[in-house]
Amino acid sequence: MSAMPRLLRCTIAAAISVAMLVSGAVTTAHADDAVVTEQPLTPVQGEVSYSVAQQSGFPQVESEIGRGAPLSTTAGALVDISAAVGEHTAALVRVAVLSAADDVTVFGAGGQSVLFAAAGASASTSVLLPVVDGHVQLWASAAAQTRIEVLAAFTGDETKPGSIFALDAPVTRIGGRR
């Protein structure tokens, strides 16, 4: 490539850059400040202790924060979380099985498996569940010490884009549109 076209390209690029700077075409982005309602801090009385159940276990901080009791082994059993969700129709719930004596599978709405813990192990997951009259469906295949903690509650409208709501069972789509 000859020197003349290269010089011409550099001159054109420099001229365009100067024109953009002079005309203000390059400006900094501006975003309005977000409207945020600060929630007041509420002091908590007492202490929350934790301990590690086993060397490969995880700290049991939720033992004093969430609901702790073995889940029912009856299919479709309901867990009352009304105090944490109010009138909301969906809840993001953390489910933990602690040092299960036997293999345990935890089931949620519609009979879907949401967590598996092997015998002698602890396991935890978060799952979005539908809330009906302050209750969610959660049950286990075998008795095991469990912790249930509501992380967030939602009320969504399936006709509005971006709404969060929970389905009774997963919906899968095969192929294109439905």
N, C-alpha and C. Protein backbone atom coordinates (compact mmCIF):
# COMPACT_ATOMS: atom_id res chain seq x y z
N MET A 1 0.84 -1.16 0.00
CA MET A 1 0.00 0.00 0.00
C MET A 1 0.90 1.24 0.00
N SER A 2 0.56 2.21 -0.82
CA SER A 2 1.41 3.40 -0.93
C SER A 2 1.20 4.32 0.27
N ALA A 3 2.11 5.24 0.44
CA ALA A 3 2.08 6.16 1.57
C ALA A 3 0.95 7.18 1.44
N MET A 4 0.57 7.54 0.22
CA MET A 4 -0.45 8.56 0.02
C MET A 4 -1.83 8.12 0.54
N PRO A 5 -2.34 6.95 0.20
CA PRO A 5 -3.65 6.57 0.75
C PRO A 5 -3.61 6.46 2.27
N ARG A 6 -2.52 5.99 2.84
CA ARG A 6 -2.43 5.88 4.29
C ARG A 6 -2.48 7.27 4.92
N LEU A 7 -1.77 8.22 4.35
CA LEU A 7 -1.78 9.59 4.85
C LEU A 7 -3.17 10.20 4.72
N LEU A 8 -3.84 9.90 3.61
CA LEU A 8 -5.18 10.42 3.38
C LEU A 8 -6.17 9.85 4.41
N ARG A 9 -6.08 8.56 4.70
CA ARG A 9 -6.95 7.95 5.70
C ARG A 9 -6.72 8.53 7.08
N CYS A 10 -5.47 8.72 7.45
CA CYS A 10 -5.16 9.30 8.77
C CYS A 10 -5.67 10.73 8.88
N THR A 11 -5.54 11.49 7.78
CA THR A 11 -6.01 12.88 7.78
C THR A 11 -7.52 12.93 7.93
N ILE A 12 -8.24 12.06 7.22
CA ILE A 12 -9.70 12.02 7.30
C ILE A 12 -10.13 11.60 8.71
N ALA A 13 -9.50 10.60 9.29
CA ALA A 13 -9.84 10.15 10.64
C ALA A 13 -9.60 11.26 11.66
N ALA A 14 -8.50 12.00 11.53
CA ALA A 14 -8.21 13.10 12.44
C ALA A 14 -9.24 14.21 12.29
N ALA A 15 -9.62 14.51 11.06
CA ALA A 15 -10.61 15.56 10.81
C ALA A 15 -11.97 15.18 11.42
N ILE A 16 -12.37 13.97 11.27
CA ILE A 16 -13.65 13.50 11.84
C ILE A 16 -13.59 13.57 13.37
N SER A 17 -12.48 13.17 13.96
CA SER A 17 -12.33 13.21 15.41
C SER A 17 -12.42 14.64 15.94
N VAL A 18 -11.75 15.57 15.26
CA VAL A 18 -11.80 16.97 15.67
C VAL A 18 -13.22 17.51 15.53
N ALA A 19 -13.90 17.16 14.43
CA ALA A 19 -15.27 17.63 14.21
C ALA A 19 -16.21 17.10 15.30
N MET A 20 -16.03 15.88 15.71
CA MET A 20 -16.89 15.31 16.75
C MET A 20 -16.65 16.01 18.09
N LEU A 21 -15.40 16.30 18.40
CA LEU A 21 -15.09 16.97 19.65
C LEU A 21 -15.64 18.39 19.66
N VAL A 22 -15.50 19.10 18.55
CA VAL A 22 -15.96 20.49 18.47
C VAL A 22 -17.49 20.56 18.51
N SER A 23 -18.15 19.63 17.83
CA SER A 23 -19.61 19.68 17.76
C SER A 23 -20.28 19.09 19.01
N GLY A 24 -19.53 18.46 19.88
CA GLY A 24 -20.11 17.89 21.09
C GLY A 24 -20.78 16.55 20.83
N ALA A 25 -20.47 15.89 19.75
CA ALA A 25 -21.07 14.60 19.44
C ALA A 25 -20.69 13.54 20.47
N VAL A 26 -19.54 13.72 21.07
CA VAL A 26 -19.12 12.79 22.10
C VAL A 26 -19.45 13.43 23.44
N THR A 27 -20.44 12.91 24.11
CA THR A 27 -20.82 13.44 25.41
C THR A 27 -20.82 12.31 26.43
N THR A 28 -20.79 12.68 27.65
CA THR A 28 -20.84 11.66 28.70
C THR A 28 -22.30 11.29 28.94
N ALA A 29 -22.51 10.06 29.29
CA ALA A 29 -23.87 9.58 29.57
C ALA A 29 -24.34 10.11 30.91
N HIS A 30 -25.62 10.34 31.02
CA HIS A 30 -26.19 10.82 32.27
C HIS A 30 -27.41 9.97 32.61
N ALA A 31 -27.47 9.51 33.80
CA ALA A 31 -28.64 8.76 34.27
C ALA A 31 -29.19 9.46 35.50
N ASP A 32 -30.50 9.53 35.58
CA ASP A 32 -31.12 10.12 36.76
C ASP A 32 -30.86 9.25 37.97
N ASP A 33 -30.79 9.88 39.11
CA ASP A 33 -30.61 9.12 40.34
C ASP A 33 -31.82 8.23 40.57
N ALA A 34 -31.58 7.02 41.01
CA ALA A 34 -32.66 6.08 41.28
C ALA A 34 -33.43 6.52 42.52
N VAL A 35 -34.73 6.35 42.46
CA VAL A 35 -35.55 6.66 43.63
C VAL A 35 -35.54 5.43 44.52
N VAL A 36 -34.93 5.56 45.67
CA VAL A 36 -34.79 4.43 46.58
C VAL A 36 -35.37 4.81 47.93
N THR A 37 -36.22 3.96 48.42
CA THR A 37 -36.76 4.17 49.76
C THR A 37 -35.91 3.37 50.73
N GLU A 38 -35.22 4.08 51.59
CA GLU A 38 -34.37 3.40 52.56
C GLU A 38 -35.22 2.72 53.63
N GLN A 39 -34.90 1.49 53.90
CA GLN A 39 -35.58 0.77 54.96
C GLN A 39 -34.79 0.97 56.25
N PRO A 40 -35.46 1.38 57.32
CA PRO A 40 -34.72 1.60 58.56
C PRO A 40 -34.15 0.29 59.11
N LEU A 41 -32.98 0.39 59.69
CA LEU A 41 -32.37 -0.78 60.30
C LEU A 41 -33.10 -1.08 61.60
N THR A 42 -33.37 -2.35 61.82
CA THR A 42 -34.06 -2.77 63.03
C THR A 42 -33.09 -3.60 63.86
N PRO A 43 -32.74 -3.13 65.04
CA PRO A 43 -31.83 -3.92 65.88
C PRO A 43 -32.47 -5.25 66.27
N VAL A 44 -31.67 -6.29 66.26
CA VAL A 44 -32.14 -7.62 66.64
C VAL A 44 -31.59 -7.93 68.02
N GLN A 45 -32.46 -8.38 68.88
CA GLN A 45 -32.05 -8.72 70.23
C GLN A 45 -31.40 -10.10 70.24
N GLY A 46 -30.43 -10.26 71.09
CA GLY A 46 -29.80 -11.57 71.24
C GLY A 46 -28.72 -11.81 70.21
N GLU A 47 -28.34 -13.06 70.08
CA GLU A 47 -27.28 -13.45 69.17
C GLU A 47 -27.77 -14.59 68.29
N VAL A 48 -27.19 -14.69 67.13
CA VAL A 48 -27.46 -15.83 66.26
C VAL A 48 -26.17 -16.63 66.20
N SER A 49 -26.21 -17.82 66.72
CA SER A 49 -25.01 -18.64 66.73
C SER A 49 -25.06 -19.63 65.56
N TYR A 50 -23.93 -20.19 65.26
CA TYR A 50 -23.88 -21.21 64.24
C TYR A 50 -22.83 -22.24 64.61
N SER A 51 -22.98 -23.40 64.03
CA SER A 51 -21.99 -24.45 64.24
C SER A 51 -21.92 -25.27 62.97
N VAL A 52 -20.83 -25.96 62.77
CA VAL A 52 -20.67 -26.79 61.60
C VAL A 52 -20.94 -28.23 62.01
N ALA A 53 -21.95 -28.83 61.36
CA ALA A 53 -22.39 -30.17 61.74
C ALA A 53 -21.34 -31.22 61.42
N GLN A 54 -20.65 -31.03 60.34
CA GLN A 54 -19.64 -31.99 59.93
C GLN A 54 -18.54 -31.25 59.18
N GLN A 55 -17.43 -31.89 59.00
CA GLN A 55 -16.30 -31.23 58.36
C GLN A 55 -16.66 -30.66 56.99
N SER A 56 -17.44 -31.38 56.21
CA SER A 56 -17.82 -30.90 54.87
C SER A 56 -19.16 -30.18 54.89
N GLY A 57 -19.70 -29.94 56.07
CA GLY A 57 -21.01 -29.30 56.19
C GLY A 57 -20.93 -27.80 56.00
N PHE A 58 -22.06 -27.14 56.18
CA PHE A 58 -22.08 -25.69 56.07
C PHE A 58 -22.62 -25.11 57.37
N PRO A 59 -22.26 -23.86 57.69
CA PRO A 59 -22.72 -23.28 58.95
C PRO A 59 -24.24 -23.28 59.02
N GLN A 60 -24.79 -23.59 60.18
CA GLN A 60 -26.23 -23.70 60.34
C GLN A 60 -26.82 -22.40 60.88
N VAL A 61 -26.50 -21.28 60.24
CA VAL A 61 -27.00 -19.98 60.68
C VAL A 61 -28.52 -19.96 60.61
N GLU A 62 -29.10 -20.62 59.60
CA GLU A 62 -30.54 -20.61 59.42
C GLU A 62 -31.29 -21.34 60.54
N SER A 63 -30.60 -22.05 61.40
CA SER A 63 -31.29 -22.79 62.45
C SER A 63 -32.08 -21.89 63.39
N GLU A 64 -31.67 -20.63 63.56
CA GLU A 64 -32.42 -19.73 64.41
C GLU A 64 -33.19 -18.69 63.61
N ILE A 65 -33.03 -18.69 62.31
CA ILE A 65 -33.68 -17.69 61.47
C ILE A 65 -34.92 -18.25 60.79
N GLY A 66 -34.83 -19.44 60.23
CA GLY A 66 -35.94 -20.03 59.49
C GLY A 66 -36.78 -20.96 60.34
N ARG A 67 -37.68 -21.66 59.67
CA ARG A 67 -38.54 -22.64 60.33
C ARG A 67 -37.79 -23.96 60.32
N GLY A 68 -37.58 -24.56 61.47
CA GLY A 68 -36.83 -25.79 61.52
C GLY A 68 -37.63 -26.93 62.09
N ALA A 69 -37.90 -27.93 61.27
CA ALA A 69 -38.62 -29.14 61.68
C ALA A 69 -38.58 -30.10 60.50
N PRO A 70 -38.70 -31.38 60.77
CA PRO A 70 -38.78 -32.31 59.64
C PRO A 70 -40.01 -32.03 58.79
N LEU A 71 -39.86 -32.13 57.48
CA LEU A 71 -41.00 -31.97 56.58
C LEU A 71 -41.88 -33.21 56.63
N SER A 72 -43.13 -33.04 56.30
CA SER A 72 -44.04 -34.17 56.21
C SER A 72 -43.60 -35.08 55.07
N THR A 73 -43.92 -36.35 55.17
CA THR A 73 -43.63 -37.29 54.09
C THR A 73 -44.90 -37.57 53.27
N THR A 74 -45.96 -36.83 53.54
CA THR A 74 -47.22 -36.98 52.80
C THR A 74 -47.18 -36.09 51.56
N ALA A 75 -47.40 -36.67 50.39
CA ALA A 75 -47.39 -35.89 49.14
C ALA A 75 -48.41 -34.77 49.20
N GLY A 76 -47.99 -33.59 48.77
CA GLY A 76 -48.88 -32.43 48.75
C GLY A 76 -48.98 -31.70 50.07
N ALA A 77 -48.17 -32.07 51.06
CA ALA A 77 -48.23 -31.43 52.38
C ALA A 77 -47.94 -29.94 52.26
N LEU A 78 -48.58 -29.16 53.13
CA LEU A 78 -48.45 -27.71 53.10
C LEU A 78 -47.61 -27.21 54.27
N VAL A 79 -46.82 -26.17 54.01
CA VAL A 79 -46.02 -25.52 55.03
C VAL A 79 -46.53 -24.09 55.14
N ASP A 80 -46.84 -23.67 56.35
CA ASP A 80 -47.37 -22.32 56.59
C ASP A 80 -46.23 -21.31 56.62
N ILE A 81 -46.22 -20.39 55.66
CA ILE A 81 -45.23 -19.31 55.63
C ILE A 81 -45.94 -17.96 55.60
N SER A 82 -47.20 -17.94 56.02
CA SER A 82 -48.02 -16.74 55.91
C SER A 82 -47.42 -15.54 56.65
N ALA A 83 -46.75 -15.76 57.76
CA ALA A 83 -46.17 -14.64 58.50
C ALA A 83 -45.09 -13.93 57.69
N ALA A 84 -44.44 -14.64 56.79
CA ALA A 84 -43.34 -14.05 56.01
C ALA A 84 -43.79 -13.51 54.66
N VAL A 85 -44.92 -13.99 54.13
CA VAL A 85 -45.30 -13.58 52.77
C VAL A 85 -46.53 -12.70 52.69
N GLY A 86 -47.30 -12.64 53.74
CA GLY A 86 -48.51 -11.81 53.70
C GLY A 86 -49.45 -12.25 52.60
N GLU A 87 -49.85 -11.32 51.74
CA GLU A 87 -50.80 -11.62 50.66
C GLU A 87 -50.13 -11.97 49.34
N HIS A 88 -48.82 -12.10 49.32
CA HIS A 88 -48.11 -12.39 48.07
C HIS A 88 -48.47 -13.78 47.55
N THR A 89 -48.29 -13.95 46.24
CA THR A 89 -48.70 -15.21 45.59
C THR A 89 -47.53 -16.11 45.20
N ALA A 90 -46.31 -15.67 45.45
CA ALA A 90 -45.14 -16.49 45.15
C ALA A 90 -44.06 -16.16 46.17
N ALA A 91 -43.22 -17.16 46.47
CA ALA A 91 -42.14 -16.94 47.43
C ALA A 91 -40.88 -17.65 46.97
N LEU A 92 -39.74 -16.96 47.13
CA LEU A 92 -38.45 -17.58 46.92
C LEU A 92 -38.04 -18.15 48.27
N VAL A 93 -37.96 -19.47 48.34
CA VAL A 93 -37.78 -20.16 49.61
C VAL A 93 -36.46 -20.93 49.58
N ARG A 94 -35.69 -20.78 50.65
CA ARG A 94 -34.47 -21.58 50.80
C ARG A 94 -34.83 -22.81 51.60
N VAL A 95 -34.49 -23.97 51.06
CA VAL A 95 -34.77 -25.25 51.72
C VAL A 95 -33.42 -25.91 52.00
N ALA A 96 -33.20 -26.31 53.24
CA ALA A 96 -31.95 -26.99 53.60
C ALA A 96 -32.28 -28.29 54.32
N VAL A 97 -31.61 -29.35 53.94
CA VAL A 97 -31.71 -30.64 54.63
C VAL A 97 -30.36 -30.83 55.33
N LEU A 98 -30.42 -31.07 56.62
CA LEU A 98 -29.20 -31.13 57.42
C LEU A 98 -28.87 -32.54 57.88
N SER A 99 -27.73 -33.03 57.46
CA SER A 99 -27.21 -34.35 57.86
C SER A 99 -28.29 -35.43 57.83
N ALA A 100 -28.81 -35.68 56.67
CA ALA A 100 -29.88 -36.67 56.50
C ALA A 100 -29.40 -38.07 56.86
N ALA A 101 -30.22 -38.80 57.60
CA ALA A 101 -29.88 -40.18 57.96
C ALA A 101 -29.99 -41.10 56.75
N ASP A 102 -30.96 -40.84 55.88
CA ASP A 102 -31.17 -41.61 54.66
C ASP A 102 -31.15 -40.65 53.47
N ASP A 103 -31.11 -41.20 52.26
CA ASP A 103 -31.26 -40.35 51.08
C ASP A 103 -32.61 -39.66 51.16
N VAL A 104 -32.63 -38.34 50.92
CA VAL A 104 -33.88 -37.57 51.01
C VAL A 104 -34.06 -36.74 49.75
N THR A 105 -35.26 -36.79 49.20
CA THR A 105 -35.64 -35.91 48.10
C THR A 105 -36.75 -35.02 48.62
N VAL A 106 -36.61 -33.72 48.41
CA VAL A 106 -37.65 -32.76 48.80
C VAL A 106 -38.42 -32.39 47.55
N PHE A 107 -39.75 -32.39 47.68
CA PHE A 107 -40.63 -32.08 46.56
C PHE A 107 -41.36 -30.77 46.82
N GLY A 108 -41.63 -30.04 45.75
CA GLY A 108 -42.37 -28.79 45.84
C GLY A 108 -43.67 -28.88 45.09
N ALA A 109 -44.22 -27.73 44.75
CA ALA A 109 -45.51 -27.66 44.06
C ALA A 109 -45.56 -28.56 42.84
N GLY A 110 -46.67 -29.24 42.68
CA GLY A 110 -46.85 -30.12 41.53
C GLY A 110 -46.05 -31.41 41.60
N GLY A 111 -45.43 -31.69 42.74
CA GLY A 111 -44.68 -32.93 42.89
C GLY A 111 -43.31 -32.90 42.24
N GLN A 112 -42.80 -31.70 41.93
CA GLN A 112 -41.49 -31.58 41.30
C GLN A 112 -40.38 -31.69 42.34
N SER A 113 -39.35 -32.47 42.02
CA SER A 113 -38.20 -32.62 42.90
C SER A 113 -37.43 -31.30 42.92
N VAL A 114 -37.17 -30.76 44.12
CA VAL A 114 -36.44 -29.50 44.22
C VAL A 114 -35.08 -29.64 44.89
N LEU A 115 -34.86 -30.74 45.63
CA LEU A 115 -33.60 -30.92 46.33
C LEU A 115 -33.37 -32.39 46.63
N PHE A 116 -32.11 -32.82 46.52
CA PHE A 116 -31.72 -34.18 46.91
C PHE A 116 -30.55 -34.08 47.86
N ALA A 117 -30.63 -34.81 48.97
CA ALA A 117 -29.51 -34.89 49.92
C ALA A 117 -29.19 -36.36 50.15
N ALA A 118 -27.95 -36.73 49.90
CA ALA A 118 -27.52 -38.11 50.11
C ALA A 118 -27.42 -38.38 51.61
N ALA A 119 -27.54 -39.63 51.99
CA ALA A 119 -27.46 -40.02 53.40
C ALA A 119 -26.16 -39.49 54.01
N GLY A 120 -26.27 -38.87 55.17
CA GLY A 120 -25.12 -38.36 55.88
C GLY A 120 -24.65 -36.99 55.41
N ALA A 121 -25.28 -36.45 54.39
CA ALA A 121 -24.84 -35.16 53.84
C ALA A 121 -25.90 -34.08 54.09
N SER A 122 -25.47 -32.84 53.98
CA SER A 122 -26.38 -31.70 54.05
C SER A 122 -26.46 -31.08 52.67
N ALA A 123 -27.61 -30.53 52.33
CA ALA A 123 -27.79 -29.89 51.03
C ALA A 123 -28.77 -28.74 51.18
N SER A 124 -28.68 -27.78 50.28
CA SER A 124 -29.53 -26.61 50.35
C SER A 124 -29.78 -26.07 48.95
N THR A 125 -30.95 -25.47 48.74
CA THR A 125 -31.27 -24.84 47.46
C THR A 125 -32.30 -23.75 47.68
N SER A 126 -32.49 -22.92 46.69
CA SER A 126 -33.55 -21.92 46.71
C SER A 126 -34.49 -22.23 45.57
N VAL A 127 -35.79 -22.10 45.82
CA VAL A 127 -36.79 -22.45 44.82
C VAL A 127 -37.95 -21.45 44.89
N LEU A 128 -38.47 -21.08 43.73
CA LEU A 128 -39.63 -20.20 43.66
C LEU A 128 -40.88 -21.07 43.69
N LEU A 129 -41.74 -20.84 44.68
CA LEU A 129 -42.93 -21.66 44.88
C LEU A 129 -44.19 -20.81 44.88
N PRO A 130 -45.30 -21.35 44.34
CA PRO A 130 -46.57 -20.62 44.44
C PRO A 130 -47.08 -20.65 45.88
N VAL A 131 -47.67 -19.55 46.31
CA VAL A 131 -48.23 -19.43 47.66
C VAL A 131 -49.74 -19.37 47.54
N VAL A 132 -50.43 -20.25 48.25
CA VAL A 132 -51.89 -20.26 48.27
C VAL A 132 -52.34 -20.14 49.72
N ASP A 133 -53.04 -19.07 50.02
CA ASP A 133 -53.51 -18.82 51.39
C ASP A 133 -52.40 -18.91 52.42
N GLY A 134 -51.21 -18.38 52.07
CA GLY A 134 -50.08 -18.35 53.00
C GLY A 134 -49.33 -19.66 53.15
N HIS A 135 -49.62 -20.65 52.29
CA HIS A 135 -48.98 -21.96 52.39
C HIS A 135 -48.28 -22.32 51.07
N VAL A 136 -47.19 -23.08 51.18
CA VAL A 136 -46.51 -23.64 50.01
C VAL A 136 -46.49 -25.16 50.16
N GLN A 137 -46.46 -25.84 49.03
CA GLN A 137 -46.35 -27.31 49.07
C GLN A 137 -44.88 -27.68 49.18
N LEU A 138 -44.54 -28.39 50.22
CA LEU A 138 -43.19 -28.94 50.42
C LEU A 138 -43.32 -30.22 51.24
N TRP A 139 -42.71 -31.28 50.77
CA TRP A 139 -42.68 -32.53 51.52
C TRP A 139 -41.43 -33.30 51.14
N ALA A 140 -41.09 -34.29 51.93
CA ALA A 140 -39.86 -35.05 51.73
C ALA A 140 -40.14 -36.53 51.57
N SER A 141 -39.20 -37.23 50.95
CA SER A 141 -39.36 -38.67 50.76
C SER A 141 -39.06 -39.44 52.05
N ALA A 142 -38.34 -38.83 52.98
CA ALA A 142 -38.02 -39.47 54.26
C ALA A 142 -37.86 -38.37 55.31
N ALA A 143 -38.04 -38.74 56.56
CA ALA A 143 -37.89 -37.76 57.64
C ALA A 143 -36.45 -37.30 57.72
N ALA A 144 -36.27 -35.98 57.83
CA ALA A 144 -34.93 -35.40 57.97
C ALA A 144 -35.07 -34.01 58.56
N GLN A 145 -34.05 -33.61 59.29
CA GLN A 145 -34.07 -32.25 59.85
C GLN A 145 -33.97 -31.25 58.71
N THR A 146 -34.90 -30.32 58.65
CA THR A 146 -34.94 -29.35 57.56
C THR A 146 -35.07 -27.94 58.08
N ARG A 147 -34.67 -26.99 57.27
CA ARG A 147 -34.83 -25.57 57.55
C ARG A 147 -35.49 -24.93 56.34
N ILE A 148 -36.52 -24.13 56.60
CA ILE A 148 -37.24 -23.41 55.54
C ILE A 148 -37.08 -21.92 55.85
N GLU A 149 -36.60 -21.16 54.88
CA GLU A 149 -36.42 -19.72 55.08
C GLU A 149 -36.96 -18.99 53.86
N VAL A 150 -37.87 -18.06 54.08
CA VAL A 150 -38.41 -17.24 52.98
C VAL A 150 -37.41 -16.12 52.70
N LEU A 151 -36.90 -16.10 51.46
CA LEU A 151 -35.93 -15.08 51.08
C LEU A 151 -36.60 -13.85 50.48
N ALA A 152 -37.69 -14.06 49.73
CA ALA A 152 -38.41 -12.95 49.10
C ALA A 152 -39.81 -13.40 48.75
N ALA A 153 -40.73 -12.44 48.66
CA ALA A 153 -42.11 -12.73 48.28
C ALA A 153 -42.50 -11.85 47.10
N PHE A 154 -43.32 -12.37 46.20
CA PHE A 154 -43.68 -11.66 44.97
C PHE A 154 -45.17 -11.77 44.71
N THR A 155 -45.69 -10.77 44.03
CA THR A 155 -47.03 -10.84 43.46
C THR A 155 -46.89 -10.38 42.03
N GLY A 156 -47.14 -11.27 41.09
CA GLY A 156 -46.97 -10.93 39.69
C GLY A 156 -48.25 -11.12 38.92
N ASP A 157 -48.24 -10.60 37.71
CA ASP A 157 -49.37 -10.72 36.81
C ASP A 157 -48.85 -11.32 35.51
N GLU A 158 -49.32 -12.50 35.16
CA GLU A 158 -48.77 -13.17 33.98
C GLU A 158 -49.05 -12.45 32.68
N THR A 159 -49.91 -11.44 32.70
CA THR A 159 -50.17 -10.66 31.48
C THR A 159 -49.22 -9.49 31.34
N LYS A 160 -48.40 -9.23 32.37
CA LYS A 160 -47.47 -8.10 32.32
C LYS A 160 -46.04 -8.61 32.16
N PRO A 161 -45.34 -8.14 31.13
CA PRO A 161 -43.96 -8.57 30.92
C PRO A 161 -43.09 -8.24 32.13
N GLY A 162 -42.22 -9.17 32.50
CA GLY A 162 -41.30 -8.96 33.62
C GLY A 162 -41.86 -9.31 34.98
N SER A 163 -43.13 -9.68 35.04
CA SER A 163 -43.71 -10.05 36.34
C SER A 163 -43.11 -11.36 36.83
N ILE A 164 -43.01 -11.47 38.14
CA ILE A 164 -42.52 -12.71 38.73
C ILE A 164 -43.70 -13.42 39.37
N PHE A 165 -43.93 -14.63 38.94
CA PHE A 165 -44.97 -15.45 39.55
C PHE A 165 -44.53 -16.90 39.41
N ALA A 166 -45.05 -17.75 40.27
CA ALA A 166 -44.63 -19.15 40.29
C ALA A 166 -45.72 -20.03 39.68
N LEU A 167 -45.28 -21.02 38.92
CA LEU A 167 -46.19 -21.99 38.32
C LEU A 167 -46.29 -23.22 39.22
N ASP A 168 -47.43 -23.91 39.14
CA ASP A 168 -47.59 -25.13 39.93
C ASP A 168 -46.66 -26.24 39.45
N ALA A 169 -46.33 -26.23 38.18
CA ALA A 169 -45.44 -27.23 37.60
C ALA A 169 -44.68 -26.57 36.46
N PRO A 170 -43.47 -27.02 36.16
CA PRO A 170 -42.71 -26.42 35.07
C PRO A 170 -43.41 -26.61 33.73
N VAL A 171 -43.24 -25.65 32.84
CA VAL A 171 -43.80 -25.72 31.51
C VAL A 171 -42.63 -25.77 30.54
N THR A 172 -42.62 -26.78 29.70
CA THR A 172 -41.54 -26.88 28.72
C THR A 172 -42.11 -26.63 27.33
N ARG A 173 -41.32 -26.01 26.51
CA ARG A 173 -41.72 -25.75 25.14
C ARG A 173 -40.84 -26.55 24.21
N ILE A 174 -41.45 -27.21 23.29
CA ILE A 174 -40.71 -28.00 22.31
C ILE A 174 -40.84 -27.28 20.98
N GLY A 175 -39.73 -26.99 20.37
CA GLY A 175 -39.77 -26.32 19.08
C GLY A 175 -40.01 -24.84 19.23
N GLY A 176 -40.79 -24.31 18.28
CA GLY A 176 -41.04 -22.87 18.21
C GLY A 176 -42.11 -22.39 19.16
N ARG A 177 -42.94 -21.51 18.64
CA ARG A 177 -43.99 -20.90 19.46
C ARG A 177 -45.08 -21.88 19.81
N ARG A 178 -45.81 -21.49 20.78
CA ARG A 178 -46.93 -22.30 21.22
C ARG A 178 -48.20 -21.53 21.11
